[in-house]
């Protein structure tokens, strides 16, 4: 017997409330799909090849609430044995400067690969609110400049089933911040609000070398849009001073993701838990605040400003319900709890920061997703666009 060309009654009953409530989201999703296609063609498209030098060169763009609009250049190169390289350099209207270089020798048919990375970050208005889970909602800024580089060797052709070892160096300098460009010059500098006794490393530059290992282990029905399965990720690095300081500490992180379909693969419950931290080794001097976990980027607290909380350890629990809103675009609603603490025993469920919200998600490539989300907390409502995540 042929399958019916209409939904079953139970299916219709289950989906109707969401169709009514989230009809506007569906309309936005249609526009988002068109925008992502536009962006892929005009912004994310590989730069044009310049034959006489054998490279691809094109413009690069970026924007963030802290840095403002940024523009620069992207240069790509390809060679034999799967060798490829990429250099991106941008400068923003608020004097933020970033350079990223990545070179790799990989082949999908071979499990062994090598990666080389280098980065330069000049951030004149990095946000800082103070130490700990109860830091006051008073923004200050500081200057953070970092030169870093690393060499990695991995085993596993599938990036979601892979182990790797890394060796790297990080040189961080801090100083009084400034807003640059057209920013608000009245934002106080962290060094004028906090003392060295309140914030470790507030006036200290450090250079460390780090080495360690990590890996990914995923068992999911899809790498791009999983609806069933588990994904585990972890790493541990040991960092030691190579300057006049006496830093010696472990930097570690663990993450677990679980995906469960709700009666059909177009509806999914996605769970994510992250636990990361830094621990001193022996008689190491105190770890600087800028080398501790902070609530930003892939571990942002959705309803709070970026870099809002910082301490030795961080936990994040995130649960969301996803459904296909339009073709490749998923809509979601989520509940999130996040907290930082000086050590594991100091975490308290009653003191975790809660966020609720929703948004849209679509896959950009095999390893990255685009997420547009609105998160609400008792402190703020934040709109965030992430083009580098993979959840």
Protein backbone atom coordinates (compact mmCIF):
# COMPACT_ATOMS: atom_id res chain seq x y z
CA UNK A 1 0.00 0.00 0.00
CA UNK A 2 1.35 3.45 -0.90
CA UNK A 3 2.09 5.90 1.91
CA UNK A 4 -0.61 8.54 2.40
CA UNK A 5 0.12 11.92 0.85
CA UNK A 6 -1.10 13.77 3.94
CA UNK A 7 -0.14 13.94 7.62
CA UNK A 8 -1.58 11.54 10.13
CA UNK A 9 -4.11 13.06 12.54
CA UNK A 10 -1.76 12.74 15.52
CA UNK A 11 0.98 14.44 13.54
CA UNK A 12 -1.30 17.31 12.61
CA UNK A 13 -2.44 17.80 16.22
CA UNK A 14 1.16 17.83 17.41
CA UNK A 15 2.38 20.32 14.84
CA UNK A 16 -0.57 22.76 14.68
CA UNK A 17 0.24 24.78 17.84
CA UNK A 18 3.80 25.32 16.64
CA UNK A 19 2.62 26.30 13.18
CA UNK A 20 0.35 28.97 14.65
CA UNK A 21 2.72 30.36 17.26
CA UNK A 22 5.85 30.26 15.13
CA UNK A 23 4.41 31.24 11.77
CA UNK A 24 6.36 34.55 11.91
CA UNK A 25 9.53 32.55 12.58
CA UNK A 26 8.87 30.52 9.45
CA UNK A 27 8.67 33.72 7.46
CA UNK A 28 11.96 34.92 8.93
CA UNK A 29 13.49 31.53 8.18
CA UNK A 30 12.64 31.92 4.50
CA UNK A 31 14.42 35.25 4.48
CA UNK A 32 17.33 33.82 6.44
CA UNK A 33 17.83 31.06 3.91
CA UNK A 34 17.97 33.62 1.13
CA UNK A 35 20.36 35.79 3.15
CA UNK A 36 22.67 32.86 3.91
CA UNK A 37 22.69 32.00 0.23
CA UNK A 38 23.50 35.61 -0.60
CA UNK A 39 26.24 35.71 2.02
CA UNK A 40 27.71 32.46 0.79
CA UNK A 41 27.92 33.83 -2.73
CA UNK A 42 29.25 37.31 -2.03
CA UNK A 43 31.04 37.08 1.33
CA UNK A 44 32.01 33.49 2.10
CA UNK A 45 32.76 32.53 -1.50
CA UNK A 46 36.44 31.50 -1.93
CA UNK A 47 38.54 34.43 -3.18
CA UNK A 48 39.31 34.64 -6.87
CA UNK A 49 42.46 32.85 -8.04
CA UNK A 50 45.36 35.01 -9.20
CA UNK A 51 47.08 32.72 -11.67
CA UNK A 52 50.51 34.34 -11.79
CA UNK A 53 51.08 33.88 -8.05
CA UNK A 54 49.00 30.72 -7.61
CA UNK A 55 46.88 32.12 -4.74
CA UNK A 56 43.28 33.14 -4.19
CA UNK A 57 42.87 36.68 -2.87
CA UNK A 58 39.69 38.45 -1.80
CA UNK A 59 38.09 40.70 0.80
CA UNK A 60 37.23 39.67 4.36
CA UNK A 61 34.57 41.24 6.57
CA UNK A 62 33.45 40.93 10.18
CA UNK A 63 31.35 42.69 12.79
CA UNK A 64 30.77 42.46 16.54
CA UNK A 65 29.30 44.62 19.28
CA UNK A 66 32.71 45.13 20.87
CA UNK A 67 34.87 45.59 17.81
CA UNK A 68 32.41 47.19 15.40
CA UNK A 69 32.60 46.62 11.63
CA UNK A 70 35.90 45.22 10.35
CA UNK A 71 37.38 44.70 6.90
CA UNK A 72 40.54 43.18 5.52
CA UNK A 73 41.94 40.58 3.16
CA UNK A 74 41.71 36.80 2.79
CA UNK A 75 44.43 34.80 1.02
CA UNK A 76 44.16 31.09 0.26
CA UNK A 77 46.66 28.65 -1.19
CA UNK A 78 46.50 24.99 -2.21
CA UNK A 79 49.24 22.46 -2.93
CA UNK A 80 49.82 18.77 -3.36
CA UNK A 81 49.15 15.99 -0.81
CA UNK A 82 46.09 17.86 0.45
CA UNK A 83 48.14 20.87 1.56
CA UNK A 84 46.20 24.11 1.96
CA UNK A 85 46.66 27.41 3.75
CA UNK A 86 44.56 30.42 4.67
CA UNK A 87 45.47 33.89 5.92
CA UNK A 88 42.85 36.40 7.09
CA UNK A 89 43.70 39.88 8.38
CA UNK A 90 41.13 42.48 9.50
CA UNK A 91 41.10 45.91 11.14
CA UNK A 92 37.94 47.32 12.73
CA UNK A 93 36.54 50.80 13.22
CA UNK A 94 37.36 50.51 16.95
CA UNK A 95 41.02 49.67 16.29
CA UNK A 96 40.65 45.93 16.85
CA UNK A 97 43.23 44.08 14.73
CA UNK A 98 43.19 40.36 14.00
CA UNK A 99 45.37 38.09 11.90
CA UNK A 100 44.71 34.36 11.48
CA UNK A 101 46.92 31.89 9.64
CA UNK A 102 46.17 28.20 9.21
CA UNK A 103 48.01 25.63 7.15
CA UNK A 104 47.17 21.93 6.96
CA UNK A 105 48.28 18.77 5.26
CA UNK A 106 45.32 16.40 5.23
CA UNK A 107 43.70 13.90 2.90
CA UNK A 108 40.23 12.42 3.40
CA UNK A 109 41.62 9.04 2.40
CA UNK A 110 44.38 9.18 5.03
CA UNK A 111 43.78 9.27 8.81
CA UNK A 112 46.94 11.22 9.66
CA UNK A 113 47.13 15.00 9.31
CA UNK A 114 49.17 18.01 10.41
CA UNK A 115 47.93 21.52 11.23
CA UNK A 116 49.87 24.74 11.84
CA UNK A 117 48.16 27.81 13.34
CA UNK A 118 49.28 31.35 14.15
CA UNK A 119 47.27 34.33 15.40
CA UNK A 120 47.64 37.95 16.38
CA UNK A 121 44.91 39.70 18.39
CA UNK A 122 44.94 43.37 19.36
CA UNK A 123 41.81 44.07 21.42
CA UNK A 124 41.83 47.60 22.88
CA UNK A 125 38.38 47.42 24.52
CA UNK A 126 38.06 43.90 25.92
CA UNK A 127 35.14 43.80 28.38
CA UNK A 128 35.69 42.98 32.06
CA UNK A 129 33.12 43.08 34.86
CA UNK A 130 35.13 41.62 37.73
CA UNK A 131 35.89 38.17 39.09
CA UNK A 132 33.43 35.46 40.04
CA UNK A 133 29.83 34.44 39.60
CA UNK A 134 28.45 37.52 41.36
CA UNK A 135 30.47 40.16 39.52
CA UNK A 136 28.57 43.48 39.44
CA UNK A 137 27.00 44.68 36.22
CA UNK A 138 29.54 47.46 35.75
CA UNK A 139 31.50 47.24 32.52
CA UNK A 140 35.15 48.18 32.31
CA UNK A 141 37.61 47.65 29.48
CA UNK A 142 41.25 46.63 29.16
CA UNK A 143 43.75 46.16 26.36
CA UNK A 144 44.65 42.58 25.49
CA UNK A 145 47.30 41.81 22.89
CA UNK A 146 48.20 38.20 22.13
CA UNK A 147 50.62 36.48 19.79
CA UNK A 148 50.08 32.73 19.58
CA UNK A 149 50.99 29.77 17.45
CA UNK A 150 50.77 26.02 17.49
CA UNK A 151 51.45 22.71 15.79
CA UNK A 152 48.95 19.86 15.86
CA UNK A 153 49.01 16.28 14.68
CA UNK A 154 45.75 14.34 14.46
CA UNK A 155 44.69 10.79 13.69
CA UNK A 156 41.27 10.25 12.15
CA UNK A 157 39.91 11.31 8.78
CA UNK A 158 36.53 12.18 10.33
CA UNK A 159 36.84 15.38 12.45
CA UNK A 160 34.12 14.02 14.74
CA UNK A 161 36.06 10.80 15.36
CA UNK A 162 39.59 11.99 15.93
CA UNK A 163 42.38 12.23 18.49
CA UNK A 164 45.11 14.85 18.37
CA UNK A 165 48.20 16.18 20.07
CA UNK A 166 49.22 19.84 20.18
CA UNK A 167 52.22 22.01 21.01
CA UNK A 168 51.80 25.77 21.19
CA UNK A 169 52.98 29.11 22.53
CA UNK A 170 50.99 32.09 23.83
CA UNK A 171 52.32 35.57 24.64
CA UNK A 172 49.72 37.87 26.27
CA UNK A 173 50.19 41.55 27.13
CA UNK A 174 47.60 43.61 29.00
CA UNK A 175 47.21 47.33 29.64
CA UNK A 176 44.73 50.19 29.98
CA UNK A 177 41.96 49.91 27.41
CA UNK A 178 40.55 52.48 25.05
CA UNK A 179 37.45 52.48 22.89
CA UNK A 180 38.91 53.73 19.62
CA UNK A 181 36.89 54.97 16.66
CA UNK A 182 33.46 56.32 17.56
CA UNK A 183 33.12 54.34 20.80
CA UNK A 184 31.96 55.63 24.16
CA UNK A 185 35.09 57.13 25.75
CA UNK A 186 33.40 57.28 29.16
CA UNK A 187 33.75 53.49 29.74
CA UNK A 188 36.15 53.12 32.72
CA UNK A 189 39.38 51.20 32.40
CA UNK A 190 39.72 48.03 34.47
CA UNK A 191 43.02 49.21 35.97
CA UNK A 192 41.25 52.31 37.34
CA UNK A 193 38.43 50.31 38.97
CA UNK A 194 40.13 47.14 40.25
CA UNK A 195 43.40 46.60 42.07
CA UNK A 196 46.00 43.86 41.48
CA UNK A 197 44.87 42.20 44.73
CA UNK A 198 41.31 41.87 43.40
CA UNK A 199 42.14 40.59 39.92
CA UNK A 200 45.14 38.28 39.41
CA UNK A 201 47.31 39.31 36.48
CA UNK A 202 45.58 42.65 35.93
CA UNK A 203 48.93 44.34 35.31
CA UNK A 204 51.01 41.26 34.40
CA UNK A 205 52.14 40.04 30.99
CA UNK A 206 52.80 36.31 30.59
CA UNK A 207 54.31 33.98 28.01
CA UNK A 208 53.68 30.23 28.19
CA UNK A 209 54.30 27.12 26.18
CA UNK A 210 51.58 24.48 26.18
CA UNK A 211 51.33 20.84 25.18
CA UNK A 212 48.59 18.26 25.46
CA UNK A 213 46.02 16.12 23.72
CA UNK A 214 42.34 15.89 22.99
CA UNK A 215 39.74 14.20 20.87
CA UNK A 216 36.21 13.91 19.50
CA UNK A 217 34.03 10.82 19.54
CA UNK A 218 30.63 11.04 17.87
CA UNK A 219 28.01 8.44 17.10
CA UNK A 220 25.21 10.31 15.35
CA UNK A 221 22.93 9.70 12.40
CA UNK A 222 24.22 12.84 10.65
CA UNK A 223 27.33 15.00 10.94
CA UNK A 224 25.61 18.14 9.68
CA UNK A 225 22.14 17.97 11.26
CA UNK A 226 22.14 15.20 13.90
CA UNK A 227 18.77 14.01 15.19
CA UNK A 228 19.88 10.91 17.11
CA UNK A 229 23.12 10.12 18.88
CA UNK A 230 25.87 11.24 21.23
CA UNK A 231 28.94 13.43 20.71
CA UNK A 232 31.77 13.62 23.29
CA UNK A 233 34.65 16.10 23.15
CA UNK A 234 37.57 16.77 25.48
CA UNK A 235 41.08 18.14 25.80
CA UNK A 236 43.77 18.77 28.40
CA UNK A 237 46.80 21.06 28.07
CA UNK A 238 49.68 21.79 30.42
CA UNK A 239 50.96 25.36 30.22
CA UNK A 240 54.30 26.48 31.66
CA UNK A 241 56.07 29.83 31.75
CA UNK A 242 58.95 30.58 29.42
CA UNK A 243 59.51 34.09 30.84
CA UNK A 244 60.39 35.46 34.28
CA UNK A 245 57.15 34.21 35.83
CA UNK A 246 56.50 30.82 37.42
CA UNK A 247 53.22 29.72 35.86
CA UNK A 248 52.46 26.00 35.69
CA UNK A 249 48.85 24.92 35.22
CA UNK A 250 46.47 22.57 33.44
CA UNK A 251 43.84 23.95 31.04
CA UNK A 252 41.11 21.38 30.43
CA UNK A 253 37.63 21.09 28.96
CA UNK A 254 35.00 18.41 28.48
CA UNK A 255 31.75 18.48 26.53
CA UNK A 256 28.84 16.10 25.95
CA UNK A 257 25.99 16.45 23.44
CA UNK A 258 22.90 14.28 23.09
CA UNK A 259 20.34 14.38 20.27
CA UNK A 260 16.89 12.74 20.45
CA UNK A 261 14.15 12.90 17.79
CA UNK A 262 10.58 13.70 18.83
CA UNK A 263 8.44 11.25 16.83
CA UNK A 264 10.15 12.39 13.59
CA UNK A 265 13.58 13.57 12.48
CA UNK A 266 12.30 17.06 11.74
CA UNK A 267 11.82 17.64 15.50
CA UNK A 268 14.78 17.18 17.85
CA UNK A 269 15.67 17.67 21.49
CA UNK A 270 19.35 18.70 21.69
CA UNK A 271 21.24 18.72 25.00
CA UNK A 272 24.70 20.16 25.61
CA UNK A 273 26.86 20.21 28.74
CA UNK A 274 30.29 21.88 29.03
CA UNK A 275 32.69 21.84 31.97
CA UNK A 276 36.05 23.59 31.68
CA UNK A 277 38.68 25.05 33.95
CA UNK A 278 42.28 25.74 34.90
CA UNK A 279 44.19 24.19 37.83
CA UNK A 280 47.55 25.26 39.26
CA UNK A 281 50.31 22.65 39.47
CA UNK A 282 52.44 22.54 42.61
CA UNK A 283 53.80 25.92 43.69
CA UNK A 284 52.76 27.75 40.53
CA UNK A 285 52.01 31.44 40.89
CA UNK A 286 48.40 32.53 40.54
CA UNK A 287 46.87 32.12 37.10
CA UNK A 288 46.08 35.48 35.39
CA UNK A 289 42.39 36.25 34.93
CA UNK A 290 42.78 36.46 31.13
CA UNK A 291 43.84 32.79 31.02
CA UNK A 292 40.77 31.61 32.95
CA UNK A 293 37.46 30.43 31.45
CA UNK A 294 35.11 33.27 30.57
CA UNK A 295 31.48 33.25 29.44
CA UNK A 296 32.03 34.12 25.80
CA UNK A 297 31.96 32.62 22.31
CA UNK A 298 31.20 28.87 22.40
CA UNK A 299 30.44 29.00 26.17
CA UNK A 300 28.53 32.28 26.22
CA UNK A 301 25.64 32.71 28.64
CA UNK A 302 22.92 33.55 26.13
CA UNK A 303 21.04 36.20 28.10
CA UNK A 304 24.18 38.02 29.29
CA UNK A 305 26.85 40.20 27.75
CA UNK A 306 29.96 38.54 26.41
CA UNK A 307 32.80 38.06 28.93
CA UNK A 308 30.31 38.77 31.73
CA UNK A 309 31.67 36.12 34.12
CA UNK A 310 35.19 34.76 34.64
CA UNK A 311 36.75 32.39 37.17
CA UNK A 312 38.86 29.23 37.47
CA UNK A 313 36.03 26.89 36.41
CA UNK A 314 32.91 27.19 34.26
CA UNK A 315 29.85 24.99 33.74
CA UNK A 316 27.20 25.39 31.07
CA UNK A 317 24.04 23.30 30.59
CA UNK A 318 21.91 23.94 27.51
CA UNK A 319 18.69 22.23 26.39
CA UNK A 320 16.76 23.13 23.26
CA UNK A 321 13.90 21.91 21.12
CA UNK A 322 14.51 22.22 17.37
CA UNK A 323 12.24 21.82 14.39
CA UNK A 324 12.62 22.46 10.68
CA UNK A 325 11.15 25.87 9.93
CA UNK A 326 12.01 26.03 6.26
CA UNK A 327 14.11 23.61 4.21
CA UNK A 328 17.64 23.73 5.72
CA UNK A 329 16.74 26.28 8.41
CA UNK A 330 15.87 25.04 11.90
CA UNK A 331 14.05 27.06 14.56
CA UNK A 332 14.63 26.43 18.26
CA UNK A 333 13.62 27.39 21.77
CA UNK A 334 16.10 26.85 24.60
CA UNK A 335 16.72 26.91 28.33
CA UNK A 336 20.24 27.44 29.63
CA UNK A 337 22.04 27.49 32.98
CA UNK A 338 25.61 28.77 33.39
CA UNK A 339 27.90 29.38 36.32
CA UNK A 340 31.55 30.09 37.17
CA UNK A 341 33.35 29.23 40.40
CA UNK A 342 36.87 29.17 41.89
CA UNK A 343 36.74 25.36 42.41
CA UNK A 344 34.35 22.46 41.84
CA UNK A 345 32.86 22.38 45.35
CA UNK A 346 31.82 26.04 45.06
CA UNK A 347 29.24 25.40 42.31
CA UNK A 348 25.65 25.75 43.56
CA UNK A 349 22.62 25.04 41.41
CA UNK A 350 20.70 27.85 43.12
CA UNK A 351 23.30 30.40 41.97
CA UNK A 352 23.43 29.42 38.29
CA UNK A 353 22.50 32.12 35.79
CA UNK A 354 19.43 31.20 33.74
CA UNK A 355 18.67 32.23 30.19
CA UNK A 356 15.70 31.42 27.98
CA UNK A 357 15.20 32.22 24.34
CA UNK A 358 15.01 31.00 20.79
CA UNK A 359 16.39 31.48 17.35
CA UNK A 360 17.32 29.98 14.00
CA UNK A 361 20.06 27.59 12.93
CA UNK A 362 21.41 26.42 9.58
CA UNK A 363 24.49 24.48 8.53
CA UNK A 364 27.19 26.40 6.66
CA UNK A 365 29.61 23.52 6.12
CA UNK A 366 30.43 20.06 7.43
CA UNK A 367 32.05 21.61 10.52
CA UNK A 368 30.32 24.96 11.11
CA UNK A 369 26.80 26.21 11.75
CA UNK A 370 25.19 29.64 11.71
CA UNK A 371 23.03 30.46 14.74
CA UNK A 372 20.94 33.58 15.26
CA UNK A 373 19.54 33.59 18.79
CA UNK A 374 17.78 35.89 21.22
CA UNK A 375 18.52 35.14 24.87
CA UNK A 376 16.75 36.70 27.85
CA UNK A 377 17.88 36.74 31.49
CA UNK A 378 17.09 38.72 34.61
CA UNK A 379 19.83 41.11 33.53
CA UNK A 380 19.47 41.68 29.81
CA UNK A 381 18.13 40.53 26.43
CA UNK A 382 20.87 39.72 23.95
CA UNK A 383 20.76 39.11 20.19
CA UNK A 384 23.73 37.03 19.03
CA UNK A 385 24.87 35.80 15.63
CA UNK A 386 27.38 32.95 15.64
CA UNK A 387 29.01 31.83 12.39
CA UNK A 388 31.76 29.65 13.87
CA UNK A 389 30.01 27.09 16.08
CA UNK A 390 29.02 23.52 15.30
CA UNK A 391 26.15 22.80 17.71
